[in-house]
Every structure is written in structure tokens, then in C-alpha cells.
Amino acid sequence: MDTPLLGFTAAIVVFIVMASIFEWVREAEHNKRFPLISDEEFIRRCGPGTNPEIAIKNRRIIAMQLNVEYDRIHPSSRFVEDLHAD
């Protein structure tokens, strides 16, 4: 294997490792800010007058569409900043 190709391959490996570490840190930060909560706790944290059935249905849809852990979705979760829906 010639040297430029070896250097390029090493750079790709470093990039993949760094991206994996960044994702792991981002997920750990998110998990700390948004601990697991039950549906009951989710409803308690919603604003007054919130229809519980609609709130839970929306929570399920968001989890499925954004591939986010269901129990980590809070009423205060922001789509772009917290759930990375960009």
C-alpha cells in the first residue's frame, strides 16, 4: 500500500472515531438533561388544559419519526436543539 493512500485511510479512521465519540458525548449530555419519564410524569409536566390522549399520541409520533427514545421526550424538549430534528 503506498503512503498517500495509507495517510488518507488513517484520516478517515480518525474522523470516524471522532464522530463516534462526539455522538456518544452528545447522547450522554441529552440523557442527563432528559432522564427517563413515564407517561404520567409527562402529562404532569404538560401545561394546564392539555388533552392527555393527544399529548401521548404526539409523544409516540415524535419518538417514531425522529428515532428518539420515547421515555426521554419531555414536554419541554425542543425539536432542533434537543431532539436534533434538523
PDB file of N, CA and C in Angstrom:
ATOM      1  N   MET A   1       0.876  -1.179   0.000  1.00  0.00           N
ATOM      2  CA  MET A   1       0.000   0.000   0.000  1.00  0.00           C
ATOM      3  C   MET A   1       0.909   1.223   0.000  1.00  0.00           C
ATOM      4  N   ASP A   2       0.630   2.171  -0.868  1.00  0.00           N
ATOM      5  CA  ASP A   2       1.536   3.312  -0.898  1.00  0.00           C
ATOM      6  C   ASP A   2       1.149   4.356   0.144  1.00  0.00           C
ATOM      7  N   THR A   3       2.083   5.189   0.545  1.00  0.00           N
ATOM      8  CA  THR A   3       1.960   6.089   1.688  1.00  0.00           C
ATOM      9  C   THR A   3       0.803   7.076   1.617  1.00  0.00           C
ATOM     10  N   PRO A   4       0.528   7.767   0.477  1.00  0.00           N
ATOM     11  CA  PRO A   4      -0.600   8.703   0.469  1.00  0.00           C
ATOM     12  C   PRO A   4      -1.937   8.013   0.763  1.00  0.00           C
ATOM     13  N   LEU A   5      -2.106   6.818   0.252  1.00  0.00           N
ATOM     14  CA  LEU A   5      -3.342   6.091   0.498  1.00  0.00           C
ATOM     15  C   LEU A   5      -3.449   5.686   1.967  1.00  0.00           C
ATOM     16  N   LEU A   6      -2.326   5.302   2.553  1.00  0.00           N
ATOM     17  CA  LEU A   6      -2.305   4.937   3.965  1.00  0.00           C
ATOM     18  C   LEU A   6      -2.660   6.147   4.834  1.00  0.00           C
ATOM     19  N   GLY A   7      -2.122   7.318   4.494  1.00  0.00           N
ATOM     20  CA  GLY A   7      -2.435   8.543   5.232  1.00  0.00           C
ATOM     21  C   GLY A   7      -3.903   8.916   5.111  1.00  0.00           C
ATOM     22  N   PHE A   8      -4.460   8.758   3.929  1.00  0.00           N
ATOM     23  CA  PHE A   8      -5.872   9.054   3.695  1.00  0.00           C
ATOM     24  C   PHE A   8      -6.752   8.099   4.496  1.00  0.00           C
ATOM     25  N   THR A   9      -6.400   6.828   4.483  1.00  0.00           N
ATOM     26  CA  THR A   9      -7.155   5.827   5.232  1.00  0.00           C
ATOM     27  C   THR A   9      -7.098   6.129   6.730  1.00  0.00           C
ATOM     28  N   ALA A  10      -5.938   6.480   7.235  1.00  0.00           N
ATOM     29  CA  ALA A  10      -5.791   6.816   8.655  1.00  0.00           C
ATOM     30  C   ALA A  10      -6.646   8.035   9.006  1.00  0.00           C
ATOM     31  N   ALA A  11      -6.692   9.025   8.115  1.00  0.00           N
ATOM     32  CA  ALA A  11      -7.501  10.222   8.359  1.00  0.00           C
ATOM     33  C   ALA A  11      -8.988   9.867   8.428  1.00  0.00           C
ATOM     34  N   ILE A  12      -9.423   8.977   7.583  1.00  0.00           N
ATOM     35  CA  ILE A  12     -10.824   8.551   7.592  1.00  0.00           C
ATOM     36  C   ILE A  12     -11.141   7.818   8.900  1.00  0.00           C
ATOM     37  N   VAL A  13     -10.241   6.948   9.324  1.00  0.00           N
ATOM     38  CA  VAL A  13     -10.454   6.213  10.573  1.00  0.00           C
ATOM     39  C   VAL A  13     -10.534   7.189  11.747  1.00  0.00           C
ATOM     40  N   VAL A  14      -9.641   8.159  11.798  1.00  0.00           N
ATOM     41  CA  VAL A  14      -9.661   9.161  12.872  1.00  0.00           C
ATOM     42  C   VAL A  14     -10.976   9.935  12.831  1.00  0.00           C
ATOM     43  N   PHE A  15     -11.428  10.320  11.652  1.00  0.00           N
ATOM     44  CA  PHE A  15     -12.687  11.049  11.514  1.00  0.00           C
ATOM     45  C   PHE A  15     -13.852  10.220  12.046  1.00  0.00           C
ATOM     46  N   ILE A  16     -13.907   8.942  11.689  1.00  0.00           N
ATOM     47  CA  ILE A  16     -14.999   8.070  12.139  1.00  0.00           C
ATOM     48  C   ILE A  16     -14.973   7.919  13.655  1.00  0.00           C
ATOM     49  N   VAL A  17     -13.797   7.731  14.224  1.00  0.00           N
ATOM     50  CA  VAL A  17     -13.676   7.592  15.679  1.00  0.00           C
ATOM     51  C   VAL A  17     -14.110   8.878  16.376  1.00  0.00           C
ATOM     52  N   MET A  18     -13.669  10.022  15.872  1.00  0.00           N
ATOM     53  CA  MET A  18     -14.036  11.308  16.479  1.00  0.00           C
ATOM     54  C   MET A  18     -15.540  11.554  16.363  1.00  0.00           C
ATOM     55  N   ALA A  19     -16.132  11.207  15.239  1.00  0.00           N
ATOM     56  CA  ALA A  19     -17.574  11.378  15.070  1.00  0.00           C
ATOM     57  C   ALA A  19     -18.329  10.484  16.038  1.00  0.00           C
ATOM     58  N   SER A  20     -17.841   9.270  16.253  1.00  0.00           N
ATOM     59  CA  SER A  20     -18.481   8.355  17.205  1.00  0.00           C
ATOM     60  C   SER A  20     -18.388   8.891  18.625  1.00  0.00           C
ATOM     61  N   ILE A  21     -17.240   9.423  18.989  1.00  0.00           N
ATOM     62  CA  ILE A  21     -17.066   9.999  20.326  1.00  0.00           C
ATOM     63  C   ILE A  21     -17.974  11.201  20.499  1.00  0.00           C
ATOM     64  N   PHE A  22     -18.046  12.063  19.495  1.00  0.00           N
ATOM     65  CA  PHE A  22     -18.911  13.235  19.568  1.00  0.00           C
ATOM     66  C   PHE A  22     -20.364  12.817  19.766  1.00  0.00           C
ATOM     67  N   GLU A  23     -20.815  11.811  19.028  1.00  0.00           N
ATOM     68  CA  GLU A  23     -22.197  11.330  19.151  1.00  0.00           C
ATOM     69  C   GLU A  23     -22.440  10.750  20.536  1.00  0.00           C
ATOM     70  N   TRP A  24     -21.480  10.005  21.064  1.00  0.00           N
ATOM     71  CA  TRP A  24     -21.615   9.417  22.394  1.00  0.00           C
ATOM     72  C   TRP A  24     -21.717  10.507  23.464  1.00  0.00           C
ATOM     73  N   VAL A  25     -20.890  11.545  23.364  1.00  0.00           N
ATOM     74  CA  VAL A  25     -20.923  12.648  24.324  1.00  0.00           C
ATOM     75  C   VAL A  25     -22.251  13.395  24.208  1.00  0.00           C
ATOM     76  N   ARG A  26     -22.694  13.660  23.001  1.00  0.00           N
ATOM     77  CA  ARG A  26     -23.965  14.357  22.783  1.00  0.00           C
ATOM     78  C   ARG A  26     -25.127  13.559  23.367  1.00  0.00           C
ATOM     79  N   GLU A  27     -25.108  12.246  23.176  1.00  0.00           N
ATOM     80  CA  GLU A  27     -26.173  11.406  23.717  1.00  0.00           C
ATOM     81  C   GLU A  27     -26.123  11.378  25.242  1.00  0.00           C
ATOM     82  N   ALA A  28     -24.934  11.307  25.816  1.00  0.00           N
ATOM     83  CA  ALA A  28     -24.799  11.306  27.281  1.00  0.00           C
ATOM     84  C   ALA A  28     -25.314  12.619  27.866  1.00  0.00           C
ATOM     85  N   GLU A  29     -25.004  13.731  27.208  1.00  0.00           N
ATOM     86  CA  GLU A  29     -25.482  15.048  27.663  1.00  0.00           C
ATOM     87  C   GLU A  29     -27.008  15.108  27.599  1.00  0.00           C
ATOM     88  N   HIS A  30     -27.565  14.619  26.506  1.00  0.00           N
ATOM     89  CA  HIS A  30     -29.019  14.613  26.340  1.00  0.00           C
ATOM     90  C   HIS A  30     -29.678  13.745  27.421  1.00  0.00           C
ATOM     91  N   ASN A  31     -29.096  12.574  27.682  1.00  0.00           N
ATOM     92  CA  ASN A  31     -29.659  11.668  28.686  1.00  0.00           C
ATOM     93  C   ASN A  31     -29.610  12.273  30.086  1.00  0.00           C
ATOM     94  N   LYS A  32     -28.603  13.094  30.349  1.00  0.00           N
ATOM     95  CA  LYS A  32     -28.511  13.750  31.648  1.00  0.00           C
ATOM     96  C   LYS A  32     -29.575  14.847  31.768  1.00  0.00           C
ATOM     97  N   ARG A  33     -29.763  15.619  30.706  1.00  0.00           N
ATOM     98  CA  ARG A  33     -30.756  16.700  30.722  1.00  0.00           C
ATOM     99  C   ARG A  33     -32.180  16.181  30.682  1.00  0.00           C
ATOM    100  N   PHE A  34     -32.375  15.049  30.009  1.00  0.00           N
ATOM    101  CA  PHE A  34     -33.714  14.498  29.832  1.00  0.00           C
ATOM    102  C   PHE A  34     -33.748  13.050  30.323  1.00  0.00           C
ATOM    103  N   PRO A  35     -33.850  12.858  31.651  1.00  0.00           N
ATOM    104  CA  PRO A  35     -33.926  11.489  32.173  1.00  0.00           C
ATOM    105  C   PRO A  35     -35.232  10.828  31.745  1.00  0.00           C
ATOM    106  N   LEU A  36     -35.271   9.529  31.861  1.00  0.00           N
ATOM    107  CA  LEU A  36     -36.480   8.787  31.505  1.00  0.00           C
ATOM    108  C   LEU A  36     -37.656   9.250  32.370  1.00  0.00           C
ATOM    109  N   ILE A  37     -38.810   9.485  31.728  1.00  0.00           N
ATOM    110  CA  ILE A  37     -40.025   9.810  32.477  1.00  0.00           C
ATOM    111  C   ILE A  37     -41.181   8.982  31.928  1.00  0.00           C
ATOM    112  N   SER A  38     -42.092   8.657  32.804  1.00  0.00           N
ATOM    113  CA  SER A  38     -43.276   7.873  32.420  1.00  0.00           C
ATOM    114  C   SER A  38     -44.285   8.774  31.713  1.00  0.00           C
ATOM    115  N   ASP A  39     -45.315   8.149  31.155  1.00  0.00           N
ATOM    116  CA  ASP A  39     -46.403   8.924  30.545  1.00  0.00           C
ATOM    117  C   ASP A  39     -47.093   9.793  31.595  1.00  0.00           C
ATOM    118  N   GLU A  40     -47.255   9.252  32.806  1.00  0.00           N
ATOM    119  CA  GLU A  40     -47.907  10.021  33.875  1.00  0.00           C
ATOM    120  C   GLU A  40     -47.118  11.280  34.207  1.00  0.00           C
ATOM    121  N   GLU A  41     -45.780  11.133  34.321  1.00  0.00           N
ATOM    122  CA  GLU A  41     -44.931  12.297  34.600  1.00  0.00           C
ATOM    123  C   GLU A  41     -44.953  13.267  33.423  1.00  0.00           C
ATOM    124  N   PHE A  42     -44.970  12.745  32.217  1.00  0.00           N
ATOM    125  CA  PHE A  42     -45.036  13.586  31.021  1.00  0.00           C
ATOM    126  C   PHE A  42     -46.289  14.464  31.073  1.00  0.00           C
ATOM    127  N   ILE A  43     -47.428  13.858  31.370  1.00  0.00           N
ATOM    128  CA  ILE A  43     -48.694  14.601  31.447  1.00  0.00           C
ATOM    129  C   ILE A  43     -48.642  15.643  32.565  1.00  0.00           C
ATOM    130  N   ARG A  44     -48.070  15.260  33.726  1.00  0.00           N
ATOM    131  CA  ARG A  44     -47.957  16.229  34.840  1.00  0.00           C
ATOM    132  C   ARG A  44     -47.151  17.457  34.439  1.00  0.00           C
ATOM    133  N   ARG A  45     -46.166  17.266  33.565  1.00  0.00           N
ATOM    134  CA  ARG A  45     -45.308  18.378  33.151  1.00  0.00           C
ATOM    135  C   ARG A  45     -45.909  19.211  32.022  1.00  0.00           C
ATOM    136  N   CYS A  46     -46.981  18.732  31.427  1.00  0.00           N
ATOM    137  CA  CYS A  46     -47.650  19.498  30.366  1.00  0.00           C
ATOM    138  C   CYS A  46     -48.420  20.665  30.970  1.00  0.00           C
ATOM    139  N   GLY A  47     -48.734  21.636  30.143  1.00  0.00           N
ATOM    140  CA  GLY A  47     -49.482  22.796  30.602  1.00  0.00           C
ATOM    141  C   GLY A  47     -50.917  22.453  30.961  1.00  0.00           C
ATOM    142  N   PRO A  48     -51.542  23.329  31.744  1.00  0.00           N
ATOM    143  CA  PRO A  48     -52.941  23.091  32.111  1.00  0.00           C
ATOM    144  C   PRO A  48     -53.821  23.041  30.862  1.00  0.00           C
ATOM    145  N   GLY A  49     -54.810  22.178  30.905  1.00  0.00           N
ATOM    146  CA  GLY A  49     -55.738  22.068  29.780  1.00  0.00           C
ATOM    147  C   GLY A  49     -55.260  21.160  28.668  1.00  0.00           C
ATOM    148  N   THR A  50     -54.100  20.542  28.833  1.00  0.00           N
ATOM    149  CA  THR A  50     -53.582  19.635  27.809  1.00  0.00           C
ATOM    150  C   THR A  50     -54.401  18.354  27.806  1.00  0.00           C
ATOM    151  N   ASN A  51     -54.814  17.916  26.625  1.00  0.00           N
ATOM    152  CA  ASN A  51     -55.524  16.657  26.479  1.00  0.00           C
ATOM    153  C   ASN A  51     -54.495  15.528  26.586  1.00  0.00           C
ATOM    154  N   PRO A  52     -54.580  14.697  27.627  1.00  0.00           N
ATOM    155  CA  PRO A  52     -53.576  13.643  27.828  1.00  0.00           C
ATOM    156  C   PRO A  52     -53.447  12.676  26.659  1.00  0.00           C
ATOM    157  N   GLU A  53     -54.567  12.286  26.048  1.00  0.00           N
ATOM    158  CA  GLU A  53     -54.517  11.330  24.939  1.00  0.00           C
ATOM    159  C   GLU A  53     -53.772  11.905  23.741  1.00  0.00           C
ATOM    160  N   ILE A  54     -54.027  13.162  23.441  1.00  0.00           N
ATOM    161  CA  ILE A  54     -53.354  13.812  22.312  1.00  0.00           C
ATOM    162  C   ILE A  54     -51.877  14.009  22.623  1.00  0.00           C
ATOM    163  N   ALA A  55     -51.564  14.392  23.854  1.00  0.00           N
ATOM    164  CA  ALA A  55     -50.159  14.601  24.247  1.00  0.00           C
ATOM    165  C   ALA A  55     -49.359  13.305  24.106  1.00  0.00           C
ATOM    166  N   ILE A  56     -49.898  12.196  24.572  1.00  0.00           N
ATOM    167  CA  ILE A  56     -49.208  10.906  24.491  1.00  0.00           C
ATOM    168  C   ILE A  56     -49.092  10.446  23.044  1.00  0.00           C
ATOM    169  N   LYS A  57     -50.141  10.654  22.270  1.00  0.00           N
ATOM    170  CA  LYS A  57     -50.093  10.285  20.848  1.00  0.00           C
ATOM    171  C   LYS A  57     -48.995  11.084  20.131  1.00  0.00           C
ATOM    172  N   ASN A  58     -48.905  12.390  20.415  1.00  0.00           N
ATOM    173  CA  ASN A  58     -47.849  13.214  19.819  1.00  0.00           C
ATOM    174  C   ASN A  58     -46.466  12.743  20.255  1.00  0.00           C
ATOM    175  N   ARG A  59     -46.339  12.372  21.527  1.00  0.00           N
ATOM    176  CA  ARG A  59     -45.059  11.875  22.031  1.00  0.00           C
ATOM    177  C   ARG A  59     -44.635  10.619  21.260  1.00  0.00           C
ATOM    178  N   ARG A  60     -45.578   9.710  21.029  1.00  0.00           N
ATOM    179  CA  ARG A  60     -45.274   8.481  20.273  1.00  0.00           C
ATOM    180  C   ARG A  60     -44.852   8.788  18.843  1.00  0.00           C
ATOM    181  N   ILE A  61     -45.566   9.700  18.202  1.00  0.00           N
ATOM    182  CA  ILE A  61     -45.250  10.062  16.814  1.00  0.00           C
ATOM    183  C   ILE A  61     -43.864  10.688  16.736  1.00  0.00           C
ATOM    184  N   ILE A  62     -43.555  11.590  17.659  1.00  0.00           N
ATOM    185  CA  ILE A  62     -42.242  12.242  17.663  1.00  0.00           C
ATOM    186  C   ILE A  62     -41.145  11.209  17.848  1.00  0.00           C
ATOM    187  N   ALA A  63     -41.318  10.294  18.806  1.00  0.00           N
ATOM    188  CA  ALA A  63     -40.306   9.259  19.048  1.00  0.00           C
ATOM    189  C   ALA A  63     -40.080   8.413  17.799  1.00  0.00           C
ATOM    190  N   MET A  64     -41.165   8.027  17.148  1.00  0.00           N
ATOM    191  CA  MET A  64     -41.059   7.164  15.976  1.00  0.00           C
ATOM    192  C   MET A  64     -40.424   7.911  14.796  1.00  0.00           C
ATOM    193  N   GLN A  65     -40.878   9.119  14.523  1.00  0.00           N
ATOM    194  CA  GLN A  65     -40.399   9.854  13.359  1.00  0.00           C
ATOM    195  C   GLN A  65     -38.960  10.336  13.498  1.00  0.00           C
ATOM    196  N   LEU A  66     -38.571  10.699  14.735  1.00  0.00           N
ATOM    197  CA  LEU A  66     -37.217  11.224  14.945  1.00  0.00           C
ATOM    198  C   LEU A  66     -36.252  10.163  15.459  1.00  0.00           C
ATOM    199  N   ASN A  67     -36.766   8.934  15.643  1.00  0.00           N
ATOM    200  CA  ASN A  67     -35.948   7.841  16.154  1.00  0.00           C
ATOM    201  C   ASN A  67     -35.268   8.237  17.475  1.00  0.00           C
ATOM    202  N   VAL A  68     -36.103   8.746  18.383  1.00  0.00           N
ATOM    203  CA  VAL A  68     -35.646   9.195  19.692  1.00  0.00           C
ATOM    204  C   VAL A  68     -36.267   8.276  20.732  1.00  0.00           C
ATOM    205  N   GLU A  69     -35.530   8.002  21.803  1.00  0.00           N
ATOM    206  CA  GLU A  69     -36.049   7.151  22.862  1.00  0.00           C
ATOM    207  C   GLU A  69     -37.309   7.780  23.464  1.00  0.00           C
ATOM    208  N   TYR A  70     -38.402   7.049  23.400  1.00  0.00           N
ATOM    209  CA  TYR A  70     -39.724   7.548  23.800  1.00  0.00           C
ATOM    210  C   TYR A  70     -39.726   8.167  25.194  1.00  0.00           C
ATOM    211  N   ASP A  71     -39.167   7.472  26.172  1.00  0.00           N
ATOM    212  CA  ASP A  71     -39.212   7.934  27.567  1.00  0.00           C
ATOM    213  C   ASP A  71     -38.324   9.147  27.835  1.00  0.00           C
ATOM    214  N   ARG A  72     -37.513   9.549  26.867  1.00  0.00           N
ATOM    215  CA  ARG A  72     -36.662  10.731  27.037  1.00  0.00           C
ATOM    216  C   ARG A  72     -37.294  11.983  26.431  1.00  0.00           C
ATOM    217  N   ILE A  73     -38.454  11.840  25.821  1.00  0.00           N
ATOM    218  CA  ILE A  73     -39.139  13.007  25.270  1.00  0.00           C
ATOM    219  C   ILE A  73     -39.938  13.658  26.389  1.00  0.00           C
ATOM    220  N   HIS A  74     -39.643  14.920  26.637  1.00  0.00           N
ATOM    221  CA  HIS A  74     -40.309  15.707  27.677  1.00  0.00           C
ATOM    222  C   HIS A  74     -41.149  16.790  27.006  1.00  0.00           C
ATOM    223  N   PRO A  75     -42.147  17.324  27.692  1.00  0.00           N
ATOM    224  CA  PRO A  75     -42.916  18.425  27.104  1.00  0.00           C
ATOM    225  C   PRO A  75     -42.036  19.637  26.772  1.00  0.00           C
ATOM    226  N   SER A  76     -40.939  19.784  27.487  1.00  0.00           N
ATOM    227  CA  SER A  76     -40.047  20.932  27.253  1.00  0.00           C
ATOM    228  C   SER A  76     -38.999  20.660  26.174  1.00  0.00           C
ATOM    229  N   SER A  77     -38.978  19.452  25.614  1.00  0.00           N
ATOM    230  CA  SER A  77     -37.995  19.127  24.572  1.00  0.00           C
ATOM    231  C   SER A  77     -38.207  20.019  23.357  1.00  0.00           C
ATOM    232  N   ARG A  78     -37.095  20.535  22.843  1.00  0.00           N
ATOM    233  CA  ARG A  78     -37.144  21.365  21.634  1.00  0.00           C
ATOM    234  C   ARG A  78     -36.735  20.498  20.446  1.00  0.00           C
ATOM    235  N   PHE A  79     -37.423  20.662  19.328  1.00  0.00           N
ATOM    236  CA  PHE A  79     -37.168  19.796  18.182  1.00  0.00           C
ATOM    237  C   PHE A  79     -35.727  19.855  17.696  1.00  0.00           C
ATOM    238  N   VAL A  80     -35.216  21.023  17.410  1.00  0.00           N
ATOM    239  CA  VAL A  80     -33.890  21.130  16.818  1.00  0.00           C
ATOM    240  C   VAL A  80     -32.812  20.980  17.893  1.00  0.00           C
ATOM    241  N   GLU A  81     -32.891  21.762  18.944  1.00  0.00           N
ATOM    242  CA  GLU A  81     -31.830  21.789  19.942  1.00  0.00           C
ATOM    243  C   GLU A  81     -31.715  20.491  20.740  1.00  0.00           C
ATOM    244  N   ASP A  82     -32.837  19.893  21.118  1.00  0.00           N
ATOM    245  CA  ASP A  82     -32.820  18.734  21.998  1.00  0.00           C
ATOM    246  C   ASP A  82     -33.016  17.403  21.268  1.00  0.00           C
ATOM    247  N   LEU A  83     -33.853  17.395  20.239  1.00  0.00           N
ATOM    248  CA  LEU A  83     -34.165  16.149  19.538  1.00  0.00           C
ATOM    249  C   LEU A  83     -33.439  16.039  18.208  1.00  0.00           C
ATOM    250  N   HIS A  84     -32.670  17.057  17.849  1.00  0.00           N
ATOM    251  CA  HIS A  84     -31.816  17.073  16.643  1.00  0.00           C
ATOM    252  C   HIS A  84     -32.605  16.792  15.362  1.00  0.00           C
ATOM    253  N   ALA A  85     -33.734  17.475  15.243  1.00  0.00           N
ATOM    254  CA  ALA A  85     -34.599  17.301  14.065  1.00  0.00           C
ATOM    255  C   ALA A  85     -34.302  18.378  13.034  1.00  0.00           C
ATOM    256  N   ASP A  86     -33.077  18.444  12.597  1.00  0.00           N
ATOM    257  CA  ASP A  86     -32.737  19.478  11.611  1.00  0.00           C
ATOM    258  C   ASP A  86     -32.518  18.922  10.252  1.00  0.00           C
TER     259      ASP A  86
END
